[in-house]
Amino acid sequence: METSLPISFKHLLLPDRFAAPTPVQDLYPKRVRDLNFSDVEKMYLQQGIKEFNTVQTQVFDKVYESRDSVFIGAPSGCGLL
């Protein structure tokens, strides 16, 4: 026997249908050697990556210090190298 349970949507918050993009800031690229995490620095340097691109630089500190799940998207070919 199935039981129906009423659910209130009174305090439901929905995301904007098309959220505004975050403007890309004019920042100096974050250098891999500034991570202060030798194993990670070694991994990037072995792949020839010495600094992060514009988007990575802008979001790195916030994401690195967070335990939250995140999605960071930038269209391919957007010119952010």
C-alpha atoms as a PDB file:
ATOM      1  CA  MET A   1       0.000   0.000   0.000  1.00  0.00           C
ATOM      2  CA  GLU A   2       1.475   3.359  -1.046  1.00  0.00           C
ATOM      3  CA  THR A   3       1.188   6.372   1.189  1.00  0.00           C
ATOM      4  CA  SER A   4       1.178   9.936  -0.063  1.00  0.00           C
ATOM      5  CA  LEU A   5       3.225  12.436   1.881  1.00  0.00           C
ATOM      6  CA  PRO A   6       2.667  16.165   1.379  1.00  0.00           C
ATOM      7  CA  ILE A   7       5.789  18.187   0.569  1.00  0.00           C
ATOM      8  CA  SER A   8       5.956  21.940   0.984  1.00  0.00           C
ATOM      9  CA  PHE A   9       7.826  23.999  -1.600  1.00  0.00           C
ATOM     10  CA  LYS A  10       7.292  27.207   0.354  1.00  0.00           C
ATOM     11  CA  HIS A  11      11.010  27.756   1.036  1.00  0.00           C
ATOM     12  CA  LEU A  12      12.390  26.108  -2.104  1.00  0.00           C
ATOM     13  CA  LEU A  13      15.118  28.154  -3.783  1.00  0.00           C
ATOM     14  CA  LEU A  14      15.716  27.459  -7.443  1.00  0.00           C
ATOM     15  CA  PRO A  15      18.792  28.646  -9.365  1.00  0.00           C
ATOM     16  CA  ASP A  16      18.386  31.341 -11.967  1.00  0.00           C
ATOM     17  CA  ARG A  17      17.562  29.859 -15.333  1.00  0.00           C
ATOM     18  CA  PHE A  18      20.648  31.430 -16.850  1.00  0.00           C
ATOM     19  CA  ALA A  19      23.010  32.522 -14.102  1.00  0.00           C
ATOM     20  CA  ALA A  20      25.205  35.498 -14.895  1.00  0.00           C
ATOM     21  CA  PRO A  21      28.806  34.532 -15.678  1.00  0.00           C
ATOM     22  CA  THR A  22      31.535  35.657 -13.332  1.00  0.00           C
ATOM     23  CA  PRO A  23      33.723  38.257 -15.027  1.00  0.00           C
ATOM     24  CA  VAL A  24      37.294  37.103 -15.622  1.00  0.00           C
ATOM     25  CA  GLN A  25      39.631  39.295 -13.619  1.00  0.00           C
ATOM     26  CA  ASP A  26      42.960  40.613 -14.842  1.00  0.00           C
ATOM     27  CA  LEU A  27      45.296  38.693 -12.525  1.00  0.00           C
ATOM     28  CA  TYR A  28      48.908  37.590 -12.708  1.00  0.00           C
ATOM     29  CA  PRO A  29      48.972  33.848 -13.444  1.00  0.00           C
ATOM     30  CA  LYS A  30      49.292  31.677 -10.335  1.00  0.00           C
ATOM     31  CA  ARG A  31      52.599  29.821 -10.417  1.00  0.00           C
ATOM     32  CA  VAL A  32      52.719  26.111  -9.669  1.00  0.00           C
ATOM     33  CA  ARG A  33      55.709  26.611  -7.373  1.00  0.00           C
ATOM     34  CA  ASP A  34      53.560  28.853  -5.145  1.00  0.00           C
ATOM     35  CA  LEU A  35      51.265  25.953  -4.184  1.00  0.00           C
ATOM     36  CA  ASN A  36      53.470  24.936  -1.241  1.00  0.00           C
ATOM     37  CA  PHE A  37      52.506  21.294  -1.841  1.00  0.00           C
ATOM     38  CA  SER A  38      55.578  19.549  -3.227  1.00  0.00           C
ATOM     39  CA  ASP A  39      53.848  16.399  -4.557  1.00  0.00           C
ATOM     40  CA  VAL A  40      51.330  18.429  -6.548  1.00  0.00           C
ATOM     41  CA  GLU A  41      53.992  20.875  -7.746  1.00  0.00           C
ATOM     42  CA  LYS A  42      56.077  17.935  -8.981  1.00  0.00           C
ATOM     43  CA  MET A  43      53.083  16.454 -10.834  1.00  0.00           C
ATOM     44  CA  TYR A  44      52.389  19.708 -12.709  1.00  0.00           C
ATOM     45  CA  LEU A  45      56.042  20.477 -13.417  1.00  0.00           C
ATOM     46  CA  GLN A  46      56.578  16.974 -14.856  1.00  0.00           C
ATOM     47  CA  GLN A  47      53.830  17.790 -17.374  1.00  0.00           C
ATOM     48  CA  GLY A  48      55.529  21.081 -18.261  1.00  0.00           C
ATOM     49  CA  ILE A  49      52.881  23.221 -16.520  1.00  0.00           C
ATOM     50  CA  LYS A  50      54.554  26.114 -14.708  1.00  0.00           C
ATOM     51  CA  GLU A  51      51.555  28.391 -14.195  1.00  0.00           C
ATOM     52  CA  PHE A  52      47.770  28.228 -14.332  1.00  0.00           C
ATOM     53  CA  ASN A  53      45.582  29.843 -16.972  1.00  0.00           C
ATOM     54  CA  THR A  54      43.351  32.854 -16.291  1.00  0.00           C
ATOM     55  CA  VAL A  55      40.272  30.926 -15.123  1.00  0.00           C
ATOM     56  CA  GLN A  56      42.310  28.506 -12.998  1.00  0.00           C
ATOM     57  CA  THR A  57      44.160  31.403 -11.370  1.00  0.00           C
ATOM     58  CA  GLN A  58      40.917  33.182 -10.512  1.00  0.00           C
ATOM     59  CA  VAL A  59      39.217  30.201  -8.869  1.00  0.00           C
ATOM     60  CA  PHE A  60      42.167  28.275  -7.426  1.00  0.00           C
ATOM     61  CA  ASP A  61      42.335  29.617  -3.867  1.00  0.00           C
ATOM     62  CA  LYS A  62      38.584  29.440  -3.286  1.00  0.00           C
ATOM     63  CA  VAL A  63      38.309  25.886  -4.633  1.00  0.00           C
ATOM     64  CA  TYR A  64      41.550  24.621  -3.053  1.00  0.00           C
ATOM     65  CA  GLU A  65      40.467  25.741   0.420  1.00  0.00           C
ATOM     66  CA  SER A  66      36.904  24.420   0.067  1.00  0.00           C
ATOM     67  CA  ARG A  67      35.354  21.044   0.780  1.00  0.00           C
ATOM     68  CA  ASP A  68      32.374  21.822  -1.464  1.00  0.00           C
ATOM     69  CA  SER A  69      31.779  20.231  -4.846  1.00  0.00           C
ATOM     70  CA  VAL A  70      32.196  22.725  -7.680  1.00  0.00           C
ATOM     71  CA  PHE A  71      31.733  22.967 -11.417  1.00  0.00           C
ATOM     72  CA  ILE A  72      33.925  25.406 -13.290  1.00  0.00           C
ATOM     73  CA  GLY A  73      33.196  25.831 -16.939  1.00  0.00           C
ATOM     74  CA  ALA A  74      34.825  27.829 -19.691  1.00  0.00           C
ATOM     75  CA  PRO A  75      34.018  27.238 -23.352  1.00  0.00           C
ATOM     76  CA  SER A  76      36.773  25.707 -25.426  1.00  0.00           C
ATOM     77  CA  GLY A  77      38.358  28.209 -27.729  1.00  0.00           C
ATOM     78  CA  CYS A  78      37.440  31.128 -25.482  1.00  0.00           C
ATOM     79  CA  GLY A  79      41.004  32.416 -25.627  1.00  0.00           C
ATOM     80  CA  LEU A  80      41.746  31.863 -21.942  1.00  0.00           C
ATOM     81  CA  LEU A  81      45.078  30.095 -22.017  1.00  0.00           C
END
